[in-house]
PDB file of N, CA and C in Angstrom:
ATOM      1  N   MET A   1      27.342  27.192   0.415  1.00  0.00           N
ATOM      2  CA  MET A   1      26.668  26.106   1.085  1.00  0.00           C
ATOM      3  C   MET A   1      27.667  25.393   1.992  1.00  0.00           C
ATOM      4  N   ASP A   2      27.242  25.166   3.245  1.00  0.00           N
ATOM      5  CA  ASP A   2      28.203  24.555   4.159  1.00  0.00           C
ATOM      6  C   ASP A   2      28.116  23.010   4.024  1.00  0.00           C
ATOM      7  N   GLY A   3      29.018  22.272   4.560  1.00  0.00           N
ATOM      8  CA  GLY A   3      29.153  20.844   4.466  1.00  0.00           C
ATOM      9  C   GLY A   3      27.980  20.077   5.023  1.00  0.00           C
ATOM     10  N   ALA A   4      27.366  20.604   6.148  1.00  0.00           N
ATOM     11  CA  ALA A   4      26.237  19.897   6.687  1.00  0.00           C
ATOM     12  C   ALA A   4      25.023  19.920   5.779  1.00  0.00           C
ATOM     13  N   ILE A   5      24.788  21.117   5.172  1.00  0.00           N
ATOM     14  CA  ILE A   5      23.694  21.241   4.214  1.00  0.00           C
ATOM     15  C   ILE A   5      23.898  20.349   3.063  1.00  0.00           C
ATOM     16  N   LEU A   6      25.118  20.292   2.516  1.00  0.00           N
ATOM     17  CA  LEU A   6      25.491  19.459   1.383  1.00  0.00           C
ATOM     18  C   LEU A   6      25.246  17.973   1.729  1.00  0.00           C
ATOM     19  N   ALA A   7      25.710  17.597   2.883  1.00  0.00           N
ATOM     20  CA  ALA A   7      25.485  16.150   3.309  1.00  0.00           C
ATOM     21  C   ALA A   7      24.017  15.856   3.477  1.00  0.00           C
ATOM     22  N   GLY A   8      23.268  16.750   4.014  1.00  0.00           N
ATOM     23  CA  GLY A   8      21.806  16.544   4.214  1.00  0.00           C
ATOM     24  C   GLY A   8      21.160  16.454   2.897  1.00  0.00           C
ATOM     25  N   ALA A   9      21.514  17.286   1.902  1.00  0.00           N
ATOM     26  CA  ALA A   9      20.917  17.139   0.559  1.00  0.00           C
ATOM     27  C   ALA A   9      21.244  15.915  -0.139  1.00  0.00           C
ATOM     28  N   LEU A  10      22.536  15.460  -0.054  1.00  0.00           N
ATOM     29  CA  LEU A  10      22.965  14.177  -0.636  1.00  0.00           C
ATOM     30  C   LEU A  10      22.292  13.005   0.019  1.00  0.00           C
ATOM     31  N   SER A  11      22.221  12.976   1.314  1.00  0.00           N
ATOM     32  CA  SER A  11      21.626  11.853   1.948  1.00  0.00           C
ATOM     33  C   SER A  11      20.063  11.787   1.770  1.00  0.00           C
ATOM     34  N   THR A  12      19.458  12.970   1.680  1.00  0.00           N
ATOM     35  CA  THR A  12      18.029  13.030   1.312  1.00  0.00           C
ATOM     36  C   THR A  12      17.779  12.406  -0.076  1.00  0.00           C
ATOM     37  N   GLY A  13      18.532  12.703  -1.019  1.00  0.00           N
ATOM     38  CA  GLY A  13      18.458  12.103  -2.320  1.00  0.00           C
ATOM     39  C   GLY A  13      18.639  10.534  -2.299  1.00  0.00           C
ATOM     40  N   LEU A  14      19.662  10.161  -1.571  1.00  0.00           N
ATOM     41  CA  LEU A  14      19.917   8.703  -1.465  1.00  0.00           C
ATOM     42  C   LEU A  14      18.759   7.975  -0.740  1.00  0.00           C
ATOM     43  N   PHE A  15      18.231   8.535   0.255  1.00  0.00           N
ATOM     44  CA  PHE A  15      17.081   7.891   1.011  1.00  0.00           C
ATOM     45  C   PHE A  15      15.833   7.815   0.126  1.00  0.00           C
ATOM     46  N   ALA A  16      15.597   8.979  -0.547  1.00  0.00           N
ATOM     47  CA  ALA A  16      14.401   8.988  -1.452  1.00  0.00           C
ATOM     48  C   ALA A  16      14.611   7.918  -2.640  1.00  0.00           C
ATOM     49  N   MET A  17      15.841   7.844  -3.196  1.00  0.00           N
ATOM     50  CA  MET A  17      16.061   6.886  -4.285  1.00  0.00           C
ATOM     51  C   MET A  17      15.917   5.464  -3.738  1.00  0.00           C
ATOM     52  N   SER A  18      16.256   5.212  -2.494  1.00  0.00           N
ATOM     53  CA  SER A  18      16.121   3.879  -1.994  1.00  0.00           C
ATOM     54  C   SER A  18      14.647   3.437  -1.835  1.00  0.00           C
ATOM     55  N   TYR A  19      13.708   4.348  -1.637  1.00  0.00           N
ATOM     56  CA  TYR A  19      12.323   4.013  -1.538  1.00  0.00           C
ATOM     57  C   TYR A  19      11.680   3.815  -2.944  1.00  0.00           C
ATOM     58  N   LEU A  20      12.180   4.407  -4.015  1.00  0.00           N
ATOM     59  CA  LEU A  20      11.580   4.408  -5.289  1.00  0.00           C
ATOM     60  C   LEU A  20      11.314   2.998  -5.787  1.00  0.00           C
ATOM     61  N   PRO A  21      12.279   2.064  -5.738  1.00  0.00           N
ATOM     62  CA  PRO A  21      11.991   0.697  -6.190  1.00  0.00           C
ATOM     63  C   PRO A  21      10.775   0.093  -5.537  1.00  0.00           C
ATOM     64  N   MET A  22      10.634   0.293  -4.206  1.00  0.00           N
ATOM     65  CA  MET A  22       9.496  -0.241  -3.468  1.00  0.00           C
ATOM     66  C   MET A  22       8.203   0.397  -3.949  1.00  0.00           C
ATOM     67  N   LEU A  23       8.163   1.656  -4.185  1.00  0.00           N
ATOM     68  CA  LEU A  23       6.945   2.367  -4.615  1.00  0.00           C
ATOM     69  C   LEU A  23       6.574   1.877  -6.073  1.00  0.00           C
ATOM     70  N   VAL A  24       7.566   1.819  -6.955  1.00  0.00           N
ATOM     71  CA  VAL A  24       7.302   1.407  -8.299  1.00  0.00           C
ATOM     72  C   VAL A  24       6.774  -0.029  -8.340  1.00  0.00           C
ATOM     73  N   LYS A  25       7.415  -0.873  -7.625  1.00  0.00           N
ATOM     74  CA  LYS A  25       6.974  -2.332  -7.586  1.00  0.00           C
ATOM     75  C   LYS A  25       5.508  -2.414  -7.039  1.00  0.00           C
ATOM     76  N   ALA A  26       5.259  -1.704  -6.005  1.00  0.00           N
ATOM     77  CA  ALA A  26       3.849  -1.767  -5.397  1.00  0.00           C
ATOM     78  C   ALA A  26       2.827  -1.177  -6.378  1.00  0.00           C
ATOM     79  N   ALA A  27       3.245  -0.093  -7.053  1.00  0.00           N
ATOM     80  CA  ALA A  27       2.300   0.520  -8.062  1.00  0.00           C
ATOM     81  C   ALA A  27       2.042  -0.415  -9.272  1.00  0.00           C
ATOM     82  N   ARG A  28       3.142  -1.102  -9.695  1.00  0.00           N
ATOM     83  CA  ARG A  28       3.105  -1.889 -10.835  1.00  0.00           C
ATOM     84  C   ARG A  28       2.378  -3.223 -10.641  1.00  0.00           C
ATOM     85  N   THR A  29       2.716  -3.901  -9.546  1.00  0.00           N
ATOM     86  CA  THR A  29       2.150  -5.263  -9.264  1.00  0.00           C
ATOM     87  C   THR A  29       0.889  -5.220  -8.397  1.00  0.00           C
ATOM     88  N   LYS A  30       0.667  -4.160  -7.669  1.00  0.00           N
ATOM     89  CA  LYS A  30      -0.452  -4.070  -6.760  1.00  0.00           C
ATOM     90  C   LYS A  30      -0.505  -5.213  -5.744  1.00  0.00           C
ATOM     91  N   ASP A  31       0.658  -5.742  -5.456  1.00  0.00           N
ATOM     92  CA  ASP A  31       0.879  -6.847  -4.521  1.00  0.00           C
ATOM     93  C   ASP A  31       1.539  -6.243  -3.287  1.00  0.00           C
ATOM     94  N   LEU A  32       0.778  -6.028  -2.301  1.00  0.00           N
ATOM     95  CA  LEU A  32       1.345  -5.466  -1.054  1.00  0.00           C
ATOM     96  C   LEU A  32       1.188  -6.525   0.073  1.00  0.00           C
ATOM     97  N   SER A  33       1.084  -7.788  -0.291  1.00  0.00           N
ATOM     98  CA  SER A  33       0.848  -8.855   0.711  1.00  0.00           C
ATOM     99  C   SER A  33       1.984  -9.073   1.707  1.00  0.00           C
ATOM    100  N   SER A  34       3.207  -8.532   1.400  1.00  0.00           N
ATOM    101  CA  SER A  34       4.306  -8.589   2.414  1.00  0.00           C
ATOM    102  C   SER A  34       4.274  -7.448   3.419  1.00  0.00           C
ATOM    103  N   TYR A  35       3.359  -6.556   3.323  1.00  0.00           N
ATOM    104  CA  TYR A  35       3.206  -5.444   4.275  1.00  0.00           C
ATOM    105  C   TYR A  35       2.036  -5.816   5.227  1.00  0.00           C
ATOM    106  N   SER A  36       2.120  -5.245   6.446  1.00  0.00           N
ATOM    107  CA  SER A  36       1.033  -5.403   7.368  1.00  0.00           C
ATOM    108  C   SER A  36       0.271  -4.108   7.568  1.00  0.00           C
ATOM    109  N   LEU A  37      -1.045  -4.229   7.756  1.00  0.00           N
ATOM    110  CA  LEU A  37      -1.811  -2.971   8.045  1.00  0.00           C
ATOM    111  C   LEU A  37      -1.310  -2.247   9.269  1.00  0.00           C
ATOM    112  N   GLY A  38      -1.019  -3.014  10.265  1.00  0.00           N
ATOM    113  CA  GLY A  38      -0.599  -2.421  11.572  1.00  0.00           C
ATOM    114  C   GLY A  38       0.713  -1.614  11.383  1.00  0.00           C
ATOM    115  N   ASN A  39       1.656  -2.148  10.635  1.00  0.00           N
ATOM    116  CA  ASN A  39       2.819  -1.372  10.354  1.00  0.00           C
ATOM    117  C   ASN A  39       2.632  -0.129   9.561  1.00  0.00           C
ATOM    118  N   LEU A  40       1.882  -0.240   8.507  1.00  0.00           N
ATOM    119  CA  LEU A  40       1.591   0.906   7.679  1.00  0.00           C
ATOM    120  C   LEU A  40       0.795   2.006   8.500  1.00  0.00           C
ATOM    121  N   VAL A  41      -0.137   1.615   9.298  1.00  0.00           N
ATOM    122  CA  VAL A  41      -0.888   2.632  10.107  1.00  0.00           C
ATOM    123  C   VAL A  41       0.040   3.271  11.130  1.00  0.00           C
ATOM    124  N   THR A  42       0.869   2.427  11.778  1.00  0.00           N
ATOM    125  CA  THR A  42       1.820   2.982  12.779  1.00  0.00           C
ATOM    126  C   THR A  42       2.802   3.989  12.079  1.00  0.00           C
ATOM    127  N   THR A  43       3.358   3.572  10.949  1.00  0.00           N
ATOM    128  CA  THR A  43       4.336   4.429  10.243  1.00  0.00           C
ATOM    129  C   THR A  43       3.648   5.791   9.842  1.00  0.00           C
ATOM    130  N   ASN A  44       2.379   5.793   9.375  1.00  0.00           N
ATOM    131  CA  ASN A  44       1.706   7.015   9.045  1.00  0.00           C
ATOM    132  C   ASN A  44       1.413   7.850  10.258  1.00  0.00           C
ATOM    133  N   ALA A  45       1.022   7.247  11.348  1.00  0.00           N
ATOM    134  CA  ALA A  45       0.800   7.958  12.605  1.00  0.00           C
ATOM    135  C   ALA A  45       2.101   8.627  13.076  1.00  0.00           C
ATOM    136  N   GLY A  46       3.186   7.865  13.046  1.00  0.00           N
ATOM    137  CA  GLY A  46       4.454   8.341  13.524  1.00  0.00           C
ATOM    138  C   GLY A  46       4.910   9.463  12.655  1.00  0.00           C
ATOM    139  N   ASN A  47       4.742   9.356  11.327  1.00  0.00           N
ATOM    140  CA  ASN A  47       5.103  10.471  10.383  1.00  0.00           C
ATOM    141  C   ASN A  47       4.339  11.705  10.700  1.00  0.00           C
ATOM    142  N   LEU A  48       3.048  11.545  10.996  1.00  0.00           N
ATOM    143  CA  LEU A  48       2.196  12.755  11.265  1.00  0.00           C
ATOM    144  C   LEU A  48       2.668  13.472  12.532  1.00  0.00           C
ATOM    145  N   VAL A  49       2.933  12.691  13.568  1.00  0.00           N
ATOM    146  CA  VAL A  49       3.350  13.281  14.898  1.00  0.00           C
ATOM    147  C   VAL A  49       4.762  14.003  14.664  1.00  0.00           C
ATOM    148  N   TYR A  50       5.671  13.235  13.960  1.00  0.00           N
ATOM    149  CA  TYR A  50       7.006  13.800  13.720  1.00  0.00           C
ATOM    150  C   TYR A  50       7.014  15.061  12.918  1.00  0.00           C
ATOM    151  N   SER A  51       5.941  15.247  12.112  1.00  0.00           N
ATOM    152  CA  SER A  51       5.821  16.418  11.252  1.00  0.00           C
ATOM    153  C   SER A  51       5.828  17.693  12.129  1.00  0.00           C
ATOM    154  N   PHE A  52       5.244  17.699  13.319  1.00  0.00           N
ATOM    155  CA  PHE A  52       5.256  18.815  14.178  1.00  0.00           C
ATOM    156  C   PHE A  52       6.673  19.211  14.591  1.00  0.00           C
ATOM    157  N   TYR A  53       7.514  18.292  14.639  1.00  0.00           N
ATOM    158  CA  TYR A  53       8.965  18.594  15.031  1.00  0.00           C
ATOM    159  C   TYR A  53       9.618  19.092  13.726  1.00  0.00           C
ATOM    160  N   VAL A  54       9.551  18.329  12.630  1.00  0.00           N
ATOM    161  CA  VAL A  54      10.285  18.614  11.448  1.00  0.00           C
ATOM    162  C   VAL A  54       9.956  20.008  10.832  1.00  0.00           C
ATOM    163  N   PHE A  55       8.662  20.302  10.821  1.00  0.00           N
ATOM    164  CA  PHE A  55       8.280  21.597  10.243  1.00  0.00           C
ATOM    165  C   PHE A  55       8.405  22.807  11.159  1.00  0.00           C
ATOM    166  N   SER A  56       8.916  22.485  12.367  1.00  0.00           N
ATOM    167  CA  SER A  56       9.317  23.565  13.319  1.00  0.00           C
ATOM    168  C   SER A  56      10.723  23.973  13.047  1.00  0.00           C
ATOM    169  N   LEU A  57      11.471  23.159  12.364  1.00  0.00           N
ATOM    170  CA  LEU A  57      12.930  23.449  12.058  1.00  0.00           C
ATOM    171  C   LEU A  57      13.011  24.394  10.798  1.00  0.00           C
ATOM    172  N   PRO A  58      14.133  25.124  10.642  1.00  0.00           N
ATOM    173  CA  PRO A  58      14.250  25.886   9.479  1.00  0.00           C
ATOM    174  C   PRO A  58      14.172  25.025   8.250  1.00  0.00           C
ATOM    175  N   ALA A  59      13.617  25.618   7.124  1.00  0.00           N
ATOM    176  CA  ALA A  59      13.540  24.914   5.901  1.00  0.00           C
ATOM    177  C   ALA A  59      14.860  24.361   5.447  1.00  0.00           C
ATOM    178  N   GLY A  60      14.884  23.148   5.000  1.00  0.00           N
ATOM    179  CA  GLY A  60      16.118  22.555   4.501  1.00  0.00           C
ATOM    180  C   GLY A  60      15.839  21.130   3.966  1.00  0.00           C
ATOM    181  N   PRO A  61      16.849  20.417   3.730  1.00  0.00           N
ATOM    182  CA  PRO A  61      16.676  19.071   3.172  1.00  0.00           C
ATOM    183  C   PRO A  61      15.795  18.168   3.947  1.00  0.00           C
ATOM    184  N   ILE A  62      15.767  18.342   5.272  1.00  0.00           N
ATOM    185  CA  ILE A  62      14.938  17.485   6.124  1.00  0.00           C
ATOM    186  C   ILE A  62      13.437  17.654   5.844  1.00  0.00           C
ATOM    187  N   TRP A  63      13.015  18.868   5.394  1.00  0.00           N
ATOM    188  CA  TRP A  63      11.694  19.075   4.943  1.00  0.00           C
ATOM    189  C   TRP A  63      11.353  18.245   3.747  1.00  0.00           C
ATOM    190  N   PHE A  64      12.190  18.255   2.744  1.00  0.00           N
ATOM    191  CA  PHE A  64      11.955  17.446   1.523  1.00  0.00           C
ATOM    192  C   PHE A  64      11.891  15.957   1.905  1.00  0.00           C
ATOM    193  N   LEU A  65      12.908  15.476   2.721  1.00  0.00           N
ATOM    194  CA  LEU A  65      12.904  14.095   3.023  1.00  0.00           C
ATOM    195  C   LEU A  65      11.698  13.639   3.837  1.00  0.00           C
ATOM    196  N   HIS A  66      11.295  14.471   4.800  1.00  0.00           N
ATOM    197  CA  HIS A  66      10.128  14.082   5.600  1.00  0.00           C
ATOM    198  C   HIS A  66       8.873  14.180   4.729  1.00  0.00           C
ATOM    199  N   GLY A  67       8.763  15.179   3.902  1.00  0.00           N
ATOM    200  CA  GLY A  67       7.602  15.277   2.961  1.00  0.00           C
ATOM    201  C   GLY A  67       7.473  14.051   2.064  1.00  0.00           C
ATOM    202  N   PHE A  68       8.700  13.628   1.590  1.00  0.00           N
ATOM    203  CA  PHE A  68       8.716  12.374   0.711  1.00  0.00           C
ATOM    204  C   PHE A  68       8.236  11.196   1.554  1.00  0.00           C
ATOM    205  N   TYR A  69       8.749  11.060   2.791  1.00  0.00           N
ATOM    206  CA  TYR A  69       8.263   9.900   3.663  1.00  0.00           C
ATOM    207  C   TYR A  69       6.777   9.978   3.972  1.00  0.00           C
ATOM    208  N   LEU A  70       6.276  11.226   4.142  1.00  0.00           N
ATOM    209  CA  LEU A  70       4.791  11.391   4.395  1.00  0.00           C
ATOM    210  C   LEU A  70       4.015  10.864   3.125  1.00  0.00           C
ATOM    211  N   VAL A  71       4.520  11.298   1.952  1.00  0.00           N
ATOM    212  CA  VAL A  71       3.732  10.874   0.765  1.00  0.00           C
ATOM    213  C   VAL A  71       3.865   9.443   0.496  1.00  0.00           C
ATOM    214  N   ALA A  72       5.117   8.884   0.582  1.00  0.00           N
ATOM    215  CA  ALA A  72       5.342   7.464   0.340  1.00  0.00           C
ATOM    216  C   ALA A  72       4.571   6.584   1.328  1.00  0.00           C
ATOM    217  N   SER A  73       4.577   6.843   2.535  1.00  0.00           N
ATOM    218  CA  SER A  73       3.918   6.013   3.547  1.00  0.00           C
ATOM    219  C   SER A  73       2.406   6.077   3.414  1.00  0.00           C
ATOM    220  N   ALA A  74       1.895   7.297   2.968  1.00  0.00           N
ATOM    221  CA  ALA A  74       0.453   7.433   2.792  1.00  0.00           C
ATOM    222  C   ALA A  74       0.010   6.633   1.515  1.00  0.00           C
ATOM    223  N   LEU A  75       0.823   6.770   0.452  1.00  0.00           N
ATOM    224  CA  LEU A  75       0.526   5.923  -0.765  1.00  0.00           C
ATOM    225  C   LEU A  75       0.525   4.475  -0.488  1.00  0.00           C
ATOM    226  N   MET A  76       1.509   3.950   0.305  1.00  0.00           N
ATOM    227  CA  MET A  76       1.566   2.538   0.587  1.00  0.00           C
ATOM    228  C   MET A  76       0.367   2.119   1.350  1.00  0.00           C
ATOM    229  N   LEU A  77      -0.075   2.924   2.330  1.00  0.00           N
ATOM    230  CA  LEU A  77      -1.275   2.557   3.119  1.00  0.00           C
ATOM    231  C   LEU A  77      -2.533   2.561   2.149  1.00  0.00           C
ATOM    232  N   ALA A  78      -2.664   3.626   1.378  1.00  0.00           N
ATOM    233  CA  ALA A  78      -3.777   3.672   0.443  1.00  0.00           C
ATOM    234  C   ALA A  78      -3.810   2.490  -0.532  1.00  0.00           C
ATOM    235  N   TRP A  79      -2.679   2.177  -1.016  1.00  0.00           N
ATOM    236  CA  TRP A  79      -2.561   1.019  -1.967  1.00  0.00           C
ATOM    237  C   TRP A  79      -2.822  -0.289  -1.290  1.00  0.00           C
ATOM    238  N   PHE A  80      -2.408  -0.426  -0.052  1.00  0.00           N
ATOM    239  CA  PHE A  80      -2.664  -1.652   0.698  1.00  0.00           C
ATOM    240  C   PHE A  80      -4.111  -1.839   0.943  1.00  0.00           C
ATOM    241  N   LEU A  81      -4.861  -0.794   1.295  1.00  0.00           N
ATOM    242  CA  LEU A  81      -6.299  -0.844   1.534  1.00  0.00           C
ATOM    243  C   LEU A  81      -6.982  -1.053   0.208  1.00  0.00           C
ATOM    244  N   ARG A  82      -6.552  -0.442  -0.925  1.00  0.00           N
ATOM    245  CA  ARG A  82      -7.211  -0.561  -2.180  1.00  0.00           C
ATOM    246  C   ARG A  82      -6.979  -1.866  -2.890  1.00  0.00           C
ATOM    247  N   PHE A  83      -5.822  -2.438  -2.720  1.00  0.00           N
ATOM    248  CA  PHE A  83      -5.485  -3.646  -3.459  1.00  0.00           C
ATOM    249  C   PHE A  83      -5.443  -4.908  -2.627  1.00  0.00           C
ATOM    250  N   ARG A  84      -5.837  -4.879  -1.392  1.00  0.00           N
ATOM    251  CA  ARG A  84      -5.824  -6.176  -0.557  1.00  0.00           C
ATOM    252  C   ARG A  84      -6.664  -7.199  -1.155  1.00  0.00           C
ATOM    253  N   PRO A  85      -6.332  -8.457  -0.900  1.00  0.00           N
ATOM    254  CA  PRO A  85      -7.185  -9.486  -1.448  1.00  0.00           C
ATOM    255  C   PRO A  85      -8.595  -9.473  -0.872  1.00  0.00           C
ATOM    256  N   ARG A  86      -9.547  -9.887  -1.613  1.00  0.00           N
ATOM    257  CA  ARG A  86     -10.909  -9.822  -1.164  1.00  0.00           C
ATOM    258  C   ARG A  86     -11.220 -11.103  -0.357  1.00  0.00           C
ATOM    259  N   ALA A  87     -12.020 -10.930   0.709  1.00  0.00           N
ATOM    260  CA  ALA A  87     -12.392 -12.096   1.540  1.00  0.00           C
ATOM    261  C   ALA A  87     -13.577 -12.792   0.844  1.00  0.00           C
ATOM    262  N   ARG A  88     -13.708 -14.060   1.246  1.00  0.00           N
ATOM    263  CA  ARG A  88     -14.800 -14.909   0.741  1.00  0.00           C
ATOM    264  C   ARG A  88     -15.755 -15.253   1.875  1.00  0.00           C
ATOM    265  N   ALA A  89     -17.028 -15.021   1.570  1.00  0.00           N
ATOM    266  CA  ALA A  89     -18.025 -15.371   2.573  1.00  0.00           C
ATOM    267  C   ALA A  89     -18.265 -16.898   2.609  1.00  0.00           C
ATOM    268  N   ALA A  90     -18.916 -17.385   3.525  1.00  0.00           N
ATOM    269  CA  ALA A  90     -19.214 -18.850   3.653  1.00  0.00           C
ATOM    270  C   ALA A  90     -19.906 -19.375   2.453  1.00  0.00           C
ATOM    271  N   ASP A  91     -20.817 -18.620   1.865  1.00  0.00           N
ATOM    272  CA  ASP A  91     -21.517 -19.069   0.635  1.00  0.00           C
ATOM    273  C   ASP A  91     -20.711 -18.996  -0.631  1.00  0.00           C
ATOM    274  N   GLY A  92     -19.559 -18.585  -0.566  1.00  0.00           N
ATOM    275  CA  GLY A  92     -18.684 -18.431  -1.729  1.00  0.00           C
ATOM    276  C   GLY A  92     -18.711 -17.141  -2.508  1.00  0.00           C
ATOM    277  N   THR A  93     -19.620 -16.183  -2.009  1.00  0.00           N
ATOM    278  CA  THR A  93     -19.619 -14.870  -2.609  1.00  0.00           C
ATOM    279  C   THR A  93     -18.359 -14.066  -2.224  1.00  0.00           C
ATOM    280  N   THR A  94     -18.029 -13.074  -2.921  1.00  0.00           N
ATOM    281  CA  THR A  94     -16.833 -12.330  -2.656  1.00  0.00           C
ATOM    282  C   THR A  94     -17.238 -11.035  -1.913  1.00  0.00           C
ATOM    283  N   LEU A  95     -16.508 -10.749  -0.850  1.00  0.00           N
ATOM    284  CA  LEU A  95     -16.672  -9.482  -0.074  1.00  0.00           C
ATOM    285  C   LEU A  95     -15.630  -8.564  -0.560  1.00  0.00           C
ATOM    286  N   ASP A  96     -16.055  -7.325  -0.966  1.00  0.00           N
ATOM    287  CA  ASP A  96     -15.073  -6.361  -1.306  1.00  0.00           C
ATOM    288  C   ASP A  96     -14.617  -5.554  -0.097  1.00  0.00           C
ATOM    289  N   ALA A  97     -13.706  -4.565  -0.256  1.00  0.00           N
ATOM    290  CA  ALA A  97     -13.088  -3.825   0.866  1.00  0.00           C
ATOM    291  C   ALA A  97     -14.204  -3.231   1.700  1.00  0.00           C
ATOM    292  N   ALA A  98     -15.298  -2.845   1.191  1.00  0.00           N
ATOM    293  CA  ALA A  98     -16.360  -2.189   1.989  1.00  0.00           C
ATOM    294  C   ALA A  98     -17.313  -3.214   2.511  1.00  0.00           C
ATOM    295  N   HIS A  99     -17.024  -4.544   2.403  1.00  0.00           N
ATOM    296  CA  HIS A  99     -17.816  -5.622   2.894  1.00  0.00           C
ATOM    297  C   HIS A  99     -19.167  -5.743   2.302  1.00  0.00           C
ATOM    298  N   ARG A 100     -19.224  -5.274   1.028  1.00  0.00           N
ATOM    299  CA  ARG A 100     -20.514  -5.507   0.258  1.00  0.00           C
ATOM    300  C   ARG A 100     -20.399  -6.839  -0.452  1.00  0.00           C
ATOM    301  N   VAL A 101     -21.433  -7.506  -0.593  1.00  0.00           N
ATOM    302  CA  VAL A 101     -21.420  -8.833  -1.265  1.00  0.00           C
ATOM    303  C   VAL A 101     -21.613  -8.626  -2.714  1.00  0.00           C
ATOM    304  N   SER A 102     -20.715  -9.222  -3.457  1.00  0.00           N
ATOM    305  CA  SER A 102     -20.844  -9.232  -4.938  1.00  0.00           C
ATOM    306  C   SER A 102     -21.046 -10.658  -5.350  1.00  0.00           C
ATOM    307  N   PRO A 103     -21.787 -10.799  -6.467  1.00  0.00           N
ATOM    308  CA  PRO A 103     -22.281 -12.158  -6.836  1.00  0.00           C
ATOM    309  C   PRO A 103     -21.031 -13.009  -7.280  1.00  0.00           C
ATOM    310  N   ARG A 104     -21.210 -14.271  -7.082  1.00  0.00           N
ATOM    311  CA  ARG A 104     -20.218 -15.317  -7.412  1.00  0.00           C
ATOM    312  C   ARG A 104     -20.141 -15.343  -8.912  1.00  0.00           C
ATOM    313  N   PRO A 105     -18.942 -15.370  -9.544  1.00  0.00           N
ATOM    314  CA  PRO A 105     -18.860 -15.472 -11.047  1.00  0.00           C
ATOM    315  C   PRO A 105     -19.457 -16.816 -11.426  1.00  0.00           C
ATOM    316  N   PRO A 106     -20.094 -16.894 -12.627  1.00  0.00           N
ATOM    317  CA  PRO A 106     -20.654 -18.127 -13.101  1.00  0.00           C
ATOM    318  C   PRO A 106     -19.574 -19.157 -13.343  1.00  0.00           C
ATOM    319  N   ALA A 107     -19.969 -20.432 -13.232  1.00  0.00           N
ATOM    320  CA  ALA A 107     -19.024 -21.530 -13.467  1.00  0.00           C
ATOM    321  C   ALA A 107     -18.702 -21.573 -14.950  1.00  0.00           C
ATOM    322  N   ARG A 108     -17.516 -21.872 -15.318  1.00  0.00           N
ATOM    323  CA  ARG A 108     -17.101 -21.952 -16.703  1.00  0.00           C
ATOM    324  C   ARG A 108     -17.392 -23.282 -17.333  1.00  0.00           C
ATOM    325  N   HIS A 109     -17.547 -24.327 -16.547  1.00  0.00           N
ATOM    326  CA  HIS A 109     -17.802 -25.592 -17.099  1.00  0.00           C
ATOM    327  C   HIS A 109     -18.743 -26.417 -16.204  1.00  0.00           C
ATOM    328  N   VAL A 110     -19.377 -27.412 -16.668  1.00  0.00           N
ATOM    329  CA  VAL A 110     -20.281 -28.247 -15.885  1.00  0.00           C
ATOM    330  C   VAL A 110     -19.579 -29.494 -15.543  1.00  0.00           C
ATOM    331  N   SER A 111     -19.595 -29.951 -14.302  1.00  0.00           N
ATOM    332  CA  SER A 111     -18.833 -31.194 -13.934  1.00  0.00           C
ATOM    333  C   SER A 111     -19.538 -32.347 -14.658  1.00  0.00           C
ATOM    334  N   ARG A 112     -18.800 -33.448 -14.743  1.00  0.00           N
ATOM    335  CA  ARG A 112     -19.264 -34.690 -15.395  1.00  0.00           C
ATOM    336  C   ARG A 112     -20.527 -35.212 -14.630  1.00  0.00           C
ATOM    337  N   ALA A 113     -20.436 -35.154 -13.338  1.00  0.00           N
ATOM    338  CA  ALA A 113     -21.560 -35.642 -12.593  1.00  0.00           C
ATOM    339  C   ALA A 113     -22.819 -34.870 -12.794  1.00  0.00           C
ATOM    340  N   ALA A 114     -22.704 -33.549 -12.865  1.00  0.00           N
ATOM    341  CA  ALA A 114     -23.831 -32.636 -13.107  1.00  0.00           C
ATOM    342  C   ALA A 114     -24.380 -32.918 -14.502  1.00  0.00           C
ATOM    343  N   ALA A 115     -23.463 -33.156 -15.461  1.00  0.00           N
ATOM    344  CA  ALA A 115     -23.918 -33.334 -16.870  1.00  0.00           C
ATOM    345  C   ALA A 115     -24.684 -34.687 -16.919  1.00  0.00           C
ATOM    346  N   ARG A 116     -24.175 -35.748 -16.256  1.00  0.00           N
ATOM    347  CA  ARG A 116     -24.916 -36.978 -16.338  1.00  0.00           C
ATOM    348  C   ARG A 116     -26.286 -36.919 -15.630  1.00  0.00           C
ATOM    349  N   MET A 117     -26.303 -36.105 -14.561  1.00  0.00           N
ATOM    350  CA  MET A 117     -27.622 -35.970 -13.912  1.00  0.00           C
ATOM    351  C   MET A 117     -28.590 -35.259 -14.753  1.00  0.00           C
ATOM    352  N   SER A 118     -28.198 -34.313 -15.572  1.00  0.00           N
ATOM    353  CA  SER A 118     -29.173 -33.536 -16.443  1.00  0.00           C
ATOM    354  C   SER A 118     -29.560 -34.374 -17.640  1.00  0.00           C
ATOM    355  N   VAL A 119     -28.757 -35.342 -18.036  1.00  0.00           N
ATOM    356  CA  VAL A 119     -29.033 -36.175 -19.240  1.00  0.00           C
ATOM    357  C   VAL A 119     -30.064 -37.193 -18.912  1.00  0.00           C
ATOM    358  N   THR A 120     -29.951 -37.790 -17.660  1.00  0.00           N
ATOM    359  CA  THR A 120     -30.908 -38.876 -17.300  1.00  0.00           C
ATOM    360  C   THR A 120     -32.197 -38.404 -16.858  1.00  0.00           C
TER     361      THR A 120
END
């Protein structure tokens, strides 16, 4: 094995290890609020286009590294879309990711004013 291949394999492992904490935290907390949809979409588009170049090269560490980036960026985009906060409609109902209206959860307590109105 020549030095360039060894350096490529070592750096590939280091780059992949540097991404793991981000992926684990995103999977564990499901909080991707610090990421933007535009950045994640652009990253995935760039990775797809770059794939034409990478996979035209002879098989080597770059294939593994780029494959890892493809999977990691696709996962981050999928998790961002799946776990993003839900929007609220004007009437207080919750809109899910597909913009379907789900009912407002029932109130847990009655306000004092409402309780007084029902007593009188």
